[in-house]
Amino acid sequence: MNESEILLPAEFAQRAGVPTRVVIQAMYEKRIPRVKLPDGTLGIPADALETFQVPAGG
């Protein structure tokens, strides 16, 4: 995988235009890729914005 900008869930949510809880749920369900950061938190590659879809009715 190419070197990509890594976003925290809140920033990813802001760019995607959805509440942060939707992004956290997608991470939990493994519908978006996760990257473990050096401090132990999880981030999301910015490239995932292109394929991220909010589930209907959710």
PDB file of N, CA and C in Angstrom:
ATOM      1  N   MET A   1       0.853  -1.179   0.000  1.00  0.00           N
ATOM      2  CA  MET A   1       0.000   0.000   0.000  1.00  0.00           C
ATOM      3  C   MET A   1       0.891   1.231   0.000  1.00  0.00           C
ATOM      4  N   ASN A   2       0.514   2.214  -0.777  1.00  0.00           N
ATOM      5  CA  ASN A   2       1.271   3.454  -0.840  1.00  0.00           C
ATOM      6  C   ASN A   2       1.185   4.200   0.467  1.00  0.00           C
ATOM      7  N   GLU A   3       2.172   5.055   0.695  1.00  0.00           N
ATOM      8  CA  GLU A   3       2.153   5.926   1.867  1.00  0.00           C
ATOM      9  C   GLU A   3       0.966   6.873   1.721  1.00  0.00           C
ATOM     10  N   SER A   4       0.084   6.837   2.676  1.00  0.00           N
ATOM     11  CA  SER A   4      -1.143   7.619   2.614  1.00  0.00           C
ATOM     12  C   SER A   4      -1.290   8.455   3.877  1.00  0.00           C
ATOM     13  N   GLU A   5      -2.015   9.536   3.771  1.00  0.00           N
ATOM     14  CA  GLU A   5      -2.326  10.330   4.946  1.00  0.00           C
ATOM     15  C   GLU A   5      -3.236   9.500   5.846  1.00  0.00           C
ATOM     16  N   ILE A   6      -2.938   9.474   7.137  1.00  0.00           N
ATOM     17  CA  ILE A   6      -3.738   8.728   8.096  1.00  0.00           C
ATOM     18  C   ILE A   6      -4.576   9.722   8.898  1.00  0.00           C
ATOM     19  N   LEU A   7      -5.872   9.467   8.947  1.00  0.00           N
ATOM     20  CA  LEU A   7      -6.795  10.355   9.645  1.00  0.00           C
ATOM     21  C   LEU A   7      -7.301   9.704  10.922  1.00  0.00           C
ATOM     22  N   LEU A   8      -7.524  10.509  11.932  1.00  0.00           N
ATOM     23  CA  LEU A   8      -8.201  10.028  13.124  1.00  0.00           C
ATOM     24  C   LEU A   8      -9.683   9.907  12.798  1.00  0.00           C
ATOM     25  N   PRO A   9     -10.425   9.074  13.512  1.00  0.00           N
ATOM     26  CA  PRO A   9     -11.841   8.873  13.199  1.00  0.00           C
ATOM     27  C   PRO A   9     -12.663  10.166  13.129  1.00  0.00           C
ATOM     28  N   ALA A  10     -12.416  11.106  14.024  1.00  0.00           N
ATOM     29  CA  ALA A  10     -13.186  12.355  14.012  1.00  0.00           C
ATOM     30  C   ALA A  10     -12.929  13.167  12.746  1.00  0.00           C
ATOM     31  N   GLU A  11     -11.672  13.209  12.305  1.00  0.00           N
ATOM     32  CA  GLU A  11     -11.349  13.943  11.079  1.00  0.00           C
ATOM     33  C   GLU A  11     -11.916  13.238   9.853  1.00  0.00           C
ATOM     34  N   PHE A  12     -11.832  11.912   9.840  1.00  0.00           N
ATOM     35  CA  PHE A  12     -12.407  11.139   8.741  1.00  0.00           C
ATOM     36  C   PHE A  12     -13.910  11.418   8.653  1.00  0.00           C
ATOM     37  N   ALA A  13     -14.584  11.413   9.798  1.00  0.00           N
ATOM     38  CA  ALA A  13     -16.024  11.658   9.837  1.00  0.00           C
ATOM     39  C   ALA A  13     -16.356  13.051   9.316  1.00  0.00           C
ATOM     40  N   GLN A  14     -15.568  14.032   9.712  1.00  0.00           N
ATOM     41  CA  GLN A  14     -15.807  15.405   9.253  1.00  0.00           C
ATOM     42  C   GLN A  14     -15.667  15.490   7.732  1.00  0.00           C
ATOM     43  N   ARG A  15     -14.639  14.888   7.193  1.00  0.00           N
ATOM     44  CA  ARG A  15     -14.434  14.915   5.737  1.00  0.00           C
ATOM     45  C   ARG A  15     -15.517  14.135   4.992  1.00  0.00           C
ATOM     46  N   ALA A  16     -16.019  13.058   5.614  1.00  0.00           N
ATOM     47  CA  ALA A  16     -17.057  12.245   4.978  1.00  0.00           C
ATOM     48  C   ALA A  16     -18.446  12.847   5.179  1.00  0.00           C
ATOM     49  N   GLY A  17     -18.567  13.795   6.105  1.00  0.00           N
ATOM     50  CA  GLY A  17     -19.860  14.428   6.350  1.00  0.00           C
ATOM     51  C   GLY A  17     -20.819  13.557   7.140  1.00  0.00           C
ATOM     52  N   VAL A  18     -20.282  12.742   8.036  1.00  0.00           N
ATOM     53  CA  VAL A  18     -21.111  11.862   8.857  1.00  0.00           C
ATOM     54  C   VAL A  18     -20.715  12.029  10.325  1.00  0.00           C
ATOM     55  N   PRO A  19     -21.585  11.610  11.253  1.00  0.00           N
ATOM     56  CA  PRO A  19     -21.204  11.647  12.670  1.00  0.00           C
ATOM     57  C   PRO A  19     -20.045  10.678  12.946  1.00  0.00           C
ATOM     58  N   THR A  20     -19.224  11.009  13.912  1.00  0.00           N
ATOM     59  CA  THR A  20     -18.076  10.175  14.266  1.00  0.00           C
ATOM     60  C   THR A  20     -18.507   8.759  14.631  1.00  0.00           C
ATOM     61  N   ARG A  21     -19.660   8.619  15.278  1.00  0.00           N
ATOM     62  CA  ARG A  21     -20.117   7.287  15.693  1.00  0.00           C
ATOM     63  C   ARG A  21     -20.321   6.364  14.494  1.00  0.00           C
ATOM     64  N   VAL A  22     -20.687   6.913  13.337  1.00  0.00           N
ATOM     65  CA  VAL A  22     -20.863   6.099  12.117  1.00  0.00           C
ATOM     66  C   VAL A  22     -19.509   5.537  11.680  1.00  0.00           C
ATOM     67  N   VAL A  23     -18.475   6.344  11.778  1.00  0.00           N
ATOM     68  CA  VAL A  23     -17.134   5.910  11.399  1.00  0.00           C
ATOM     69  C   VAL A  23     -16.614   4.862  12.391  1.00  0.00           C
ATOM     70  N   ILE A  24     -16.834   5.099  13.684  1.00  0.00           N
ATOM     71  CA  ILE A  24     -16.398   4.133  14.695  1.00  0.00           C
ATOM     72  C   ILE A  24     -17.094   2.788  14.469  1.00  0.00           C
ATOM     73  N   GLN A  25     -18.385   2.829  14.157  1.00  0.00           N
ATOM     74  CA  GLN A  25     -19.130   1.590  13.888  1.00  0.00           C
ATOM     75  C   GLN A  25     -18.557   0.873  12.666  1.00  0.00           C
ATOM     76  N   ALA A  26     -18.244   1.625  11.617  1.00  0.00           N
ATOM     77  CA  ALA A  26     -17.668   1.030  10.405  1.00  0.00           C
ATOM     78  C   ALA A  26     -16.297   0.415  10.692  1.00  0.00           C
ATOM     79  N   MET A  27     -15.525   1.052  11.565  1.00  0.00           N
ATOM     80  CA  MET A  27     -14.229   0.487  11.948  1.00  0.00           C
ATOM     81  C   MET A  27     -14.444  -0.823  12.707  1.00  0.00           C
ATOM     82  N   TYR A  28     -15.385  -0.826  13.625  1.00  0.00           N
ATOM     83  CA  TYR A  28     -15.682  -2.014  14.424  1.00  0.00           C
ATOM     84  C   TYR A  28     -16.122  -3.175  13.533  1.00  0.00           C
ATOM     85  N   GLU A  29     -16.951  -2.866  12.527  1.00  0.00           N
ATOM     86  CA  GLU A  29     -17.458  -3.885  11.607  1.00  0.00           C
ATOM     87  C   GLU A  29     -16.462  -4.202  10.490  1.00  0.00           C
ATOM     88  N   LYS A  30     -15.311  -3.554  10.508  1.00  0.00           N
ATOM     89  CA  LYS A  30     -14.242  -3.749   9.522  1.00  0.00           C
ATOM     90  C   LYS A  30     -14.697  -3.453   8.095  1.00  0.00           C
ATOM     91  N   ARG A  31     -15.559  -2.437   7.956  1.00  0.00           N
ATOM     92  CA  ARG A  31     -15.995  -1.991   6.630  1.00  0.00           C
ATOM     93  C   ARG A  31     -15.055  -0.936   6.062  1.00  0.00           C
ATOM     94  N   ILE A  32     -14.183  -0.405   6.904  1.00  0.00           N
ATOM     95  CA  ILE A  32     -13.142   0.510   6.449  1.00  0.00           C
ATOM     96  C   ILE A  32     -11.820   0.040   7.064  1.00  0.00           C
ATOM     97  N   PRO A  33     -10.713   0.277   6.350  1.00  0.00           N
ATOM     98  CA  PRO A  33      -9.420  -0.184   6.856  1.00  0.00           C
ATOM     99  C   PRO A  33      -8.988   0.597   8.093  1.00  0.00           C
ATOM    100  N   ARG A  34      -8.265  -0.090   8.954  1.00  0.00           N
ATOM    101  CA  ARG A  34      -7.747   0.544  10.155  1.00  0.00           C
ATOM    102  C   ARG A  34      -6.230   0.434  10.149  1.00  0.00           C
ATOM    103  N   VAL A  35      -5.581   1.432  10.723  1.00  0.00           N
ATOM    104  CA  VAL A  35      -4.130   1.454  10.826  1.00  0.00           C
ATOM    105  C   VAL A  35      -3.782   1.779  12.272  1.00  0.00           C
ATOM    106  N   LYS A  36      -2.963   0.932  12.887  1.00  0.00           N
ATOM    107  CA  LYS A  36      -2.545   1.194  14.261  1.00  0.00           C
ATOM    108  C   LYS A  36      -1.425   2.228  14.232  1.00  0.00           C
ATOM    109  N   LEU A  37      -1.624   3.309  14.960  1.00  0.00           N
ATOM    110  CA  LEU A  37      -0.648   4.384  15.028  1.00  0.00           C
ATOM    111  C   LEU A  37       0.368   4.101  16.140  1.00  0.00           C
ATOM    112  N   PRO A  38       1.523   4.764  16.092  1.00  0.00           N
ATOM    113  CA  PRO A  38       2.558   4.516  17.094  1.00  0.00           C
ATOM    114  C   PRO A  38       2.092   4.697  18.548  1.00  0.00           C
ATOM    115  N   ASP A  39       1.121   5.560  18.775  1.00  0.00           N
ATOM    116  CA  ASP A  39       0.642   5.783  20.144  1.00  0.00           C
ATOM    117  C   ASP A  39      -0.422   4.765  20.561  1.00  0.00           C
ATOM    118  N   GLY A  40      -0.731   3.813  19.677  1.00  0.00           N
ATOM    119  CA  GLY A  40      -1.676   2.748  20.006  1.00  0.00           C
ATOM    120  C   GLY A  40      -3.102   3.005  19.568  1.00  0.00           C
ATOM    121  N   THR A  41      -3.415   4.219  19.120  1.00  0.00           N
ATOM    122  CA  THR A  41      -4.764   4.501  18.638  1.00  0.00           C
ATOM    123  C   THR A  41      -4.910   3.995  17.209  1.00  0.00           C
ATOM    124  N   LEU A  42      -6.150   3.955  16.737  1.00  0.00           N
ATOM    125  CA  LEU A  42      -6.413   3.513  15.370  1.00  0.00           C
ATOM    126  C   LEU A  42      -6.724   4.703  14.483  1.00  0.00           C
ATOM    127  N   GLY A  43      -6.184   4.678  13.290  1.00  0.00           N
ATOM    128  CA  GLY A  43      -6.461   5.690  12.292  1.00  0.00           C
ATOM    129  C   GLY A  43      -7.018   5.032  11.046  1.00  0.00           C
ATOM    130  N   ILE A  44      -7.363   5.865  10.081  1.00  0.00           N
ATOM    131  CA  ILE A  44      -7.951   5.392   8.831  1.00  0.00           C
ATOM    132  C   ILE A  44      -7.216   6.066   7.675  1.00  0.00           C
ATOM    133  N   PRO A  45      -6.786   5.306   6.669  1.00  0.00           N
ATOM    134  CA  PRO A  45      -6.150   5.941   5.509  1.00  0.00           C
ATOM    135  C   PRO A  45      -7.125   6.897   4.816  1.00  0.00           C
ATOM    136  N   ALA A  46      -6.644   8.064   4.440  1.00  0.00           N
ATOM    137  CA  ALA A  46      -7.487   9.056   3.771  1.00  0.00           C
ATOM    138  C   ALA A  46      -8.060   8.501   2.465  1.00  0.00           C
ATOM    139  N   ASP A  47      -7.351   7.579   1.840  1.00  0.00           N
ATOM    140  CA  ASP A  47      -7.826   6.968   0.589  1.00  0.00           C
ATOM    141  C   ASP A  47      -9.168   6.257   0.770  1.00  0.00           C
ATOM    142  N   ALA A  48      -9.465   5.839   2.004  1.00  0.00           N
ATOM    143  CA  ALA A  48     -10.715   5.123   2.265  1.00  0.00           C
ATOM    144  C   ALA A  48     -11.936   6.017   2.085  1.00  0.00           C
ATOM    145  N   LEU A  49     -11.742   7.339   2.060  1.00  0.00           N
ATOM    146  CA  LEU A  49     -12.875   8.255   1.825  1.00  0.00           C
ATOM    147  C   LEU A  49     -13.533   7.987   0.477  1.00  0.00           C
ATOM    148  N   GLU A  50     -12.730   7.554  -0.494  1.00  0.00           N
ATOM    149  CA  GLU A  50     -13.252   7.319  -1.846  1.00  0.00           C
ATOM    150  C   GLU A  50     -14.259   6.168  -1.888  1.00  0.00           C
ATOM    151  N   THR A  51     -14.101   5.184  -1.024  1.00  0.00           N
ATOM    152  CA  THR A  51     -14.967   4.006  -1.064  1.00  0.00           C
ATOM    153  C   THR A  51     -15.928   3.895   0.120  1.00  0.00           C
ATOM    154  N   PHE A  52     -15.825   4.810   1.081  1.00  0.00           N
ATOM    155  CA  PHE A  52     -16.668   4.740   2.262  1.00  0.00           C
ATOM    156  C   PHE A  52     -18.131   5.001   1.906  1.00  0.00           C
ATOM    157  N   GLN A  53     -19.016   4.112   2.378  1.00  0.00           N
ATOM    158  CA  GLN A  53     -20.451   4.259   2.157  1.00  0.00           C
ATOM    159  C   GLN A  53     -21.172   4.136   3.484  1.00  0.00           C
ATOM    160  N   VAL A  54     -22.112   5.032   3.722  1.00  0.00           N
ATOM    161  CA  VAL A  54     -22.939   4.970   4.929  1.00  0.00           C
ATOM    162  C   VAL A  54     -24.048   3.987   4.671  1.00  0.00           C
ATOM    163  N   PRO A  55     -24.249   3.019   5.579  1.00  0.00           N
ATOM    164  CA  PRO A  55     -25.324   2.051   5.369  1.00  0.00           C
ATOM    165  C   PRO A  55     -26.697   2.727   5.389  1.00  0.00           C
ATOM    166  N   ALA A  56     -27.609   2.259   4.553  1.00  0.00           N
ATOM    167  CA  ALA A  56     -28.962   2.820   4.503  1.00  0.00           C
ATOM    168  C   ALA A  56     -29.694   2.528   5.814  1.00  0.00           C
ATOM    169  N   GLY A  57     -30.423   3.525   6.250  1.00  0.00           N
ATOM    170  CA  GLY A  57     -31.209   3.352   7.465  1.00  0.00           C
ATOM    171  C   GLY A  57     -30.405   3.403   8.733  1.00  0.00           C
ATOM    172  N   GLY A  58     -29.126   3.698   8.641  1.00  0.00           N
ATOM    173  CA  GLY A  58     -28.294   3.694   9.825  1.00  0.00           C
ATOM    174  C   GLY A  58     -27.848   5.030  10.160  1.00  0.00           C
TER     175      GLY A  58
END
